[in-house]
Amino acid sequence: MTGTYAVEALPRLDDDLIACLSALIERVTDHDGMRPISEHVWLHLKRGGDAGGLHLVARRPDGG
């Protein structure tokens, strides 16, 4: 993956971003045969993250 990415620091993940992360994690899991993050981390992410946490999100210019 090369190119320019916009990086955001988000205190909470919104529903759209959680859906994108879920789809990405599912694709990686299907490809590799194992989940790329722990269940503990996923439980926190799918609820928008931890209070007081900060999530770095890199996005392509096309929104991907």
Protein backbone atom coordinates (compact mmCIF):
# COMPACT_ATOMS: atom_id res chain seq x y z
CA MET A 1 0.00 0.00 0.00
CA THR A 2 1.68 3.13 -1.18
CA GLY A 3 0.37 6.63 -1.53
CA THR A 4 -0.81 9.47 0.61
CA TYR A 5 -3.09 8.87 3.54
CA ALA A 6 -4.93 11.27 5.82
CA VAL A 7 -4.46 10.33 9.47
CA GLU A 8 -7.07 11.25 12.06
CA ALA A 9 -6.93 10.89 15.83
CA LEU A 10 -10.44 10.02 17.01
CA PRO A 11 -11.62 9.72 20.61
CA ARG A 12 -14.58 7.54 19.51
CA LEU A 13 -15.34 5.42 16.44
CA ASP A 14 -18.66 6.07 14.71
CA ASP A 15 -20.97 3.37 13.37
CA ASP A 16 -19.75 3.77 9.76
CA LEU A 17 -16.12 3.36 10.76
CA ILE A 18 -16.94 0.37 12.97
CA ALA A 19 -18.71 -1.24 9.98
CA CYS A 20 -15.64 -0.60 7.76
CA LEU A 21 -13.31 -2.06 10.40
CA SER A 22 -15.57 -5.08 10.81
CA ALA A 23 -15.53 -5.74 7.05
CA LEU A 24 -11.74 -5.33 6.90
CA ILE A 25 -11.19 -7.65 9.85
CA GLU A 26 -13.53 -10.23 8.29
CA ARG A 27 -11.63 -10.10 4.96
CA VAL A 28 -8.26 -10.49 6.69
CA THR A 29 -9.60 -13.34 8.83
CA ASP A 30 -10.96 -15.14 5.76
CA HIS A 31 -7.65 -14.70 3.93
CA ASP A 32 -5.27 -15.60 6.76
CA GLY A 33 -7.45 -18.02 8.67
CA MET A 34 -7.02 -16.11 11.91
CA ARG A 35 -8.32 -12.85 13.35
CA PRO A 36 -5.72 -10.04 13.20
CA ILE A 37 -6.73 -8.56 16.57
CA SER A 38 -7.62 -10.10 19.90
CA GLU A 39 -11.21 -10.62 21.00
CA HIS A 40 -10.61 -8.17 23.86
CA VAL A 41 -9.57 -5.39 21.46
CA TRP A 42 -12.45 -6.14 19.09
CA LEU A 43 -15.02 -5.95 21.90
CA HIS A 44 -13.80 -2.45 22.71
CA LEU A 45 -13.56 -1.29 19.08
CA LYS A 46 -17.05 -2.43 18.11
CA ARG A 47 -18.42 -0.29 20.92
CA GLY A 48 -16.57 2.79 19.67
CA GLY A 49 -13.45 2.41 21.78
CA ASP A 50 -12.54 2.99 25.39
CA ALA A 51 -13.38 6.18 27.25
CA GLY A 52 -10.26 8.31 27.26
CA GLY A 53 -8.75 6.31 24.39
CA LEU A 54 -7.46 7.69 21.11
CA HIS A 55 -7.71 5.82 17.79
CA LEU A 56 -5.44 6.63 14.86
CA VAL A 57 -7.22 6.05 11.55
CA ALA A 58 -5.47 6.28 8.17
CA ARG A 59 -7.67 6.83 5.12
CA ARG A 60 -6.91 7.03 1.43
CA PRO A 61 -7.91 10.23 -0.38
CA ASP A 62 -10.78 8.31 -2.01
CA GLY A 63 -12.17 7.51 1.45
CA GLY A 64 -10.99 3.90 1.54
